[in-house]
Protein backbone atom coordinates (compact mmCIF):
# COMPACT_ATOMS: atom_id res chain seq x y z
CA UNK A 1 -57.97 -39.18 -35.56
CA UNK A 2 -60.35 -41.24 -37.71
CA UNK A 3 -59.57 -44.85 -38.61
CA UNK A 4 -61.07 -46.87 -41.43
CA UNK A 5 -60.45 -49.22 -44.32
CA UNK A 6 -58.15 -47.49 -46.83
CA UNK A 7 -57.77 -50.30 -49.33
CA UNK A 8 -59.84 -48.49 -51.96
CA UNK A 9 -57.21 -45.70 -52.04
CA UNK A 10 -54.08 -47.81 -51.65
CA UNK A 11 -52.85 -47.03 -55.18
CA UNK A 12 -53.73 -43.33 -55.05
CA UNK A 13 -50.73 -41.21 -54.11
CA UNK A 14 -53.00 -38.40 -52.89
CA UNK A 15 -55.42 -40.61 -50.98
CA UNK A 16 -56.87 -39.51 -47.62
CA UNK A 17 -54.72 -42.09 -45.80
CA UNK A 18 -51.55 -40.25 -46.84
CA UNK A 19 -49.81 -37.60 -44.77
CA UNK A 20 -51.05 -34.15 -45.83
CA UNK A 21 -47.71 -32.89 -47.27
CA UNK A 22 -47.26 -36.13 -49.21
CA UNK A 23 -50.80 -36.03 -50.62
CA UNK A 24 -50.56 -32.34 -51.51
CA UNK A 25 -47.29 -32.84 -53.36
CA UNK A 26 -48.74 -35.80 -55.27
CA UNK A 27 -51.91 -33.92 -56.23
CA UNK A 28 -50.25 -30.63 -57.22
CA UNK A 29 -46.61 -31.40 -58.05
CA UNK A 30 -46.14 -28.18 -60.06
CA UNK A 31 -47.69 -25.88 -57.47
CA UNK A 32 -45.89 -27.04 -54.33
CA UNK A 33 -42.50 -25.73 -53.31
CA UNK A 34 -40.37 -28.11 -51.26
CA UNK A 35 -37.62 -26.79 -49.00
CA UNK A 36 -34.91 -28.95 -47.48
CA UNK A 37 -34.01 -27.79 -43.97
CA UNK A 38 -30.36 -28.24 -43.15
CA UNK A 39 -30.58 -28.15 -39.36
CA UNK A 40 -32.82 -28.66 -36.34
CA UNK A 41 -33.14 -25.95 -33.72
CA UNK A 42 -34.87 -28.22 -31.20
CA UNK A 43 -33.07 -31.55 -31.33
CA UNK A 44 -29.65 -31.83 -29.73
CA UNK A 45 -26.65 -33.42 -31.46
CA UNK A 46 -27.11 -36.92 -30.00
CA UNK A 47 -30.81 -37.02 -30.78
CA UNK A 48 -30.18 -35.74 -34.29
CA UNK A 49 -27.49 -38.37 -34.82
CA UNK A 50 -30.10 -41.03 -34.05
CA UNK A 51 -33.22 -39.57 -35.66
CA UNK A 52 -31.80 -38.24 -38.93
CA UNK A 53 -30.31 -41.43 -40.46
CA UNK A 54 -33.03 -43.67 -39.02
CA UNK A 55 -36.08 -41.68 -40.14
CA UNK A 56 -34.84 -39.06 -42.62
CA UNK A 57 -32.22 -40.87 -44.69
CA UNK A 58 -33.02 -38.69 -47.72
CA UNK A 59 -33.06 -35.46 -45.72
CA UNK A 60 -29.67 -34.90 -44.09
CA UNK A 61 -29.63 -32.31 -41.32
CA UNK A 62 -27.57 -31.45 -38.28
CA UNK A 63 -28.33 -29.93 -34.89
CA UNK A 64 -28.16 -26.16 -34.46
CA UNK A 65 -29.71 -26.22 -31.00
CA UNK A 66 -27.79 -24.16 -28.42
CA UNK A 67 -26.36 -26.21 -25.53
CA UNK A 68 -29.09 -27.32 -23.13
CA UNK A 69 -29.40 -30.14 -20.59
CA UNK A 70 -31.26 -31.44 -17.57
CA UNK A 71 -29.46 -31.74 -14.26
CA UNK A 72 -30.41 -34.10 -11.40
CA UNK A 73 -28.34 -34.27 -8.19
CA UNK A 74 -25.48 -32.45 -9.93
CA UNK A 75 -25.44 -35.06 -12.71
CA UNK A 76 -26.06 -34.12 -16.32
CA UNK A 77 -28.66 -36.35 -17.93
CA UNK A 78 -27.91 -37.46 -21.50
CA UNK A 79 -30.28 -36.37 -24.22
CA UNK A 80 -31.56 -39.94 -24.49
CA UNK A 81 -31.52 -42.60 -21.82
CA UNK A 82 -33.24 -45.98 -21.52
CA UNK A 83 -35.03 -47.37 -18.48
CA UNK A 84 -35.68 -51.11 -18.63
CA UNK A 85 -38.99 -52.28 -17.16
CA UNK A 86 -39.82 -56.02 -17.32
CA UNK A 87 -43.42 -56.78 -18.25
CA UNK A 88 -45.71 -59.78 -17.93
CA UNK A 89 -49.13 -58.42 -18.90
CA UNK A 90 -48.68 -57.03 -22.39
CA UNK A 91 -48.57 -53.36 -23.40
CA UNK A 92 -51.19 -52.62 -20.75
CA UNK A 93 -48.93 -53.84 -17.95
CA UNK A 94 -49.23 -51.41 -15.01
CA UNK A 95 -45.47 -51.63 -14.54
CA UNK A 96 -45.00 -49.53 -17.68
CA UNK A 97 -47.37 -46.73 -16.76
CA UNK A 98 -46.17 -46.77 -13.16
CA UNK A 99 -42.58 -46.34 -14.32
CA UNK A 100 -43.56 -43.48 -16.62
CA UNK A 101 -45.42 -41.64 -13.88
CA UNK A 102 -42.58 -42.27 -11.44
CA UNK A 103 -40.03 -40.84 -13.84
CA UNK A 104 -42.12 -37.69 -14.27
CA UNK A 105 -42.22 -37.21 -10.51
CA UNK A 106 -38.49 -37.75 -10.26
CA UNK A 107 -37.78 -35.19 -12.98
CA UNK A 108 -40.18 -32.70 -11.50
CA UNK A 109 -38.91 -33.10 -7.95
CA UNK A 110 -35.17 -32.93 -8.58
CA UNK A 111 -34.69 -31.84 -12.19
CA UNK A 112 -33.20 -28.55 -13.33
CA UNK A 113 -32.97 -27.37 -16.92
CA UNK A 114 -29.75 -25.55 -17.76
CA UNK A 115 -29.52 -23.28 -20.80
CA UNK A 116 -26.52 -22.23 -22.87
CA UNK A 117 -25.75 -19.32 -20.55
CA UNK A 118 -25.67 -21.63 -17.53
CA UNK A 119 -28.92 -20.27 -16.11
CA UNK A 120 -30.95 -22.91 -14.28
CA UNK A 121 -34.58 -23.31 -13.35
CA UNK A 122 -36.57 -26.13 -11.87
CA UNK A 123 -38.55 -28.35 -14.19
CA UNK A 124 -42.26 -27.66 -13.84
CA UNK A 125 -45.23 -29.77 -14.96
CA UNK A 126 -45.60 -27.64 -18.11
CA UNK A 127 -42.03 -28.64 -19.05
CA UNK A 128 -42.78 -32.36 -19.02
CA UNK A 129 -44.55 -34.84 -21.27
CA UNK A 130 -45.35 -38.54 -21.40
CA UNK A 131 -45.81 -40.04 -24.86
CA UNK A 132 -47.36 -43.48 -25.29
CA UNK A 133 -48.33 -45.58 -28.30
CA UNK A 134 -51.82 -46.40 -26.96
CA UNK A 135 -54.66 -44.24 -25.65
CA UNK A 136 -55.24 -46.67 -22.79
CA UNK A 137 -51.66 -46.24 -21.62
CA UNK A 138 -51.96 -42.46 -21.72
CA UNK A 139 -55.14 -42.67 -19.64
CA UNK A 140 -53.44 -44.89 -17.08
CA UNK A 141 -50.49 -42.49 -16.77
CA UNK A 142 -52.86 -39.53 -16.45
CA UNK A 143 -54.67 -41.28 -13.62
CA UNK A 144 -51.38 -41.82 -11.80
CA UNK A 145 -50.50 -38.16 -12.26
CA UNK A 146 -53.94 -36.74 -11.52
CA UNK A 147 -52.45 -34.60 -8.77
CA UNK A 148 -49.94 -33.02 -11.15
CA UNK A 149 -51.90 -30.88 -13.64
CA UNK A 150 -49.99 -29.43 -16.53
CA UNK A 151 -48.01 -32.45 -17.66
CA UNK A 152 -48.64 -33.22 -21.33
CA UNK A 153 -49.82 -36.84 -21.54
CA UNK A 154 -50.91 -38.37 -24.83
CA UNK A 155 -50.16 -40.69 -27.69
CA UNK A 156 -47.53 -40.12 -30.36
CA UNK A 157 -50.28 -39.21 -32.81
CA UNK A 158 -51.58 -36.56 -30.42
CA UNK A 159 -48.09 -35.19 -29.69
CA UNK A 160 -47.14 -34.39 -33.27
CA UNK A 161 -45.87 -30.83 -33.52
CA UNK A 162 -45.50 -30.43 -29.76
CA UNK A 163 -42.36 -30.21 -27.64
CA UNK A 164 -41.29 -30.12 -24.00
CA UNK A 165 -38.02 -29.77 -22.10
CA UNK A 166 -38.10 -33.38 -20.84
CA UNK A 167 -40.15 -36.26 -22.18
CA UNK A 168 -40.86 -39.78 -20.95
CA UNK A 169 -41.53 -42.21 -23.80
CA UNK A 170 -43.14 -45.64 -23.60
CA UNK A 171 -41.45 -47.65 -26.35
CA UNK A 172 -44.10 -48.79 -28.89
CA UNK A 173 -43.10 -52.46 -28.52
CA UNK A 174 -42.92 -52.54 -24.71
CA UNK A 175 -45.03 -55.42 -23.46
CA UNK A 176 -45.40 -57.14 -26.83
CA UNK A 177 -44.19 -60.67 -27.49
CA UNK A 178 -44.69 -60.27 -31.22
CA UNK A 179 -44.18 -57.33 -33.57
CA UNK A 180 -47.52 -56.11 -35.00
CA UNK A 181 -47.44 -53.45 -37.71
CA UNK A 182 -48.97 -50.85 -35.40
CA UNK A 183 -46.08 -51.19 -32.96
CA UNK A 184 -43.36 -51.23 -35.62
CA UNK A 185 -44.58 -48.17 -37.52
CA UNK A 186 -41.43 -45.99 -37.66
CA UNK A 187 -43.42 -42.75 -37.85
CA UNK A 188 -44.86 -43.28 -34.39
CA UNK A 189 -41.43 -43.97 -32.92
CA UNK A 190 -39.93 -40.96 -34.69
CA UNK A 191 -42.51 -38.59 -33.18
CA UNK A 192 -41.99 -40.00 -29.70
CA UNK A 193 -38.22 -39.65 -29.88
CA UNK A 194 -38.21 -36.09 -31.17
CA UNK A 195 -40.45 -34.10 -28.82
CA UNK A 196 -37.81 -33.19 -26.23
CA UNK A 197 -35.60 -30.14 -26.10
CA UNK A 198 -33.15 -31.32 -23.44
CA UNK A 199 -33.84 -34.91 -22.33
CA UNK A 200 -35.92 -38.01 -23.03
CA UNK A 201 -36.24 -41.17 -20.95
CA UNK A 202 -37.36 -44.14 -23.05
CA UNK A 203 -38.99 -46.92 -21.08
CA UNK A 204 -38.14 -50.19 -22.78
CA UNK A 205 -39.00 -53.83 -22.28
CA UNK A 206 -35.95 -56.11 -21.92
CA UNK A 207 -37.68 -58.64 -24.21
CA UNK A 208 -38.15 -56.24 -27.12
CA UNK A 209 -34.78 -56.94 -28.73
CA UNK A 210 -35.58 -60.67 -28.78
CA UNK A 211 -39.02 -59.98 -30.24
CA UNK A 212 -37.52 -57.86 -33.01
CA UNK A 213 -34.76 -60.36 -33.73
CA UNK A 214 -37.25 -63.18 -34.19
CA UNK A 215 -39.57 -61.01 -36.28
CA UNK A 216 -36.71 -59.93 -38.54
CA UNK A 217 -35.57 -63.53 -38.99
CA UNK A 218 -39.04 -64.31 -40.34
CA UNK A 219 -39.20 -61.16 -42.48
CA UNK A 220 -35.60 -60.16 -43.29
CA UNK A 221 -36.71 -57.65 -45.89
CA UNK A 222 -39.00 -55.68 -43.58
CA UNK A 223 -37.53 -52.16 -43.47
CA UNK A 224 -39.63 -51.15 -40.45
CA UNK A 225 -38.17 -53.95 -38.37
CA UNK A 226 -34.67 -52.95 -39.41
CA UNK A 227 -35.30 -49.37 -38.29
CA UNK A 228 -36.77 -50.54 -34.99
CA UNK A 229 -33.77 -52.75 -34.22
CA UNK A 230 -31.29 -50.02 -35.14
CA UNK A 231 -33.01 -47.41 -33.00
CA UNK A 232 -33.45 -49.74 -30.03
CA UNK A 233 -29.79 -50.75 -30.13
CA UNK A 234 -28.72 -47.09 -30.24
CA UNK A 235 -30.98 -46.15 -27.35
CA UNK A 236 -29.77 -49.06 -25.22
CA UNK A 237 -26.19 -48.16 -26.01
CA UNK A 238 -26.78 -44.54 -25.05
CA UNK A 239 -26.62 -43.49 -28.74
């Protein structure tokens, strides 16, 4: 990914800072065919119920994924679950990356994926992913899992288009005591929360709700903050 100053193109609908489908549609509106997909074959019903209204309000869809879940110690894991990790050292706090690596080991050691026919198999490294907002976090997790080759570890930007059976997500605002635009970008959160087929563990900071509440009080019209608060509340409540 290349970063740079995009102010010169801010009023150009087909500028290089736009997502490719968006820019293509703006540049060639009469030559592009747009199809609205009515269902997702990867996301389960609970994940779809969270992701669709939060990130695709103008594109309603439902889940058509066959039943699938992860089993640990005879307990079915929900599609989405939160793991609270207190932090003191910002988004680079080792507690976050340690928790992510630990969750991967737990899933790999005891986790079974169960398909619609009831067939089970053990989760392998190739079935698992860790998605972080920052490159430095991904590097720290990779170092902790250096003895486990095969686990997909990368940022949300790098994980676009990819999927795994079980995913561990570092919440974009974990460690922050303010809400910068990078961390509140809904696109990054959407990618992170939609890479799993059967289960995702989202590692959250207990202070994030307070951070978002204060930020929204200062900017009540900020749509990104509203999405972040809605999604966080749903994740903490078990969707």
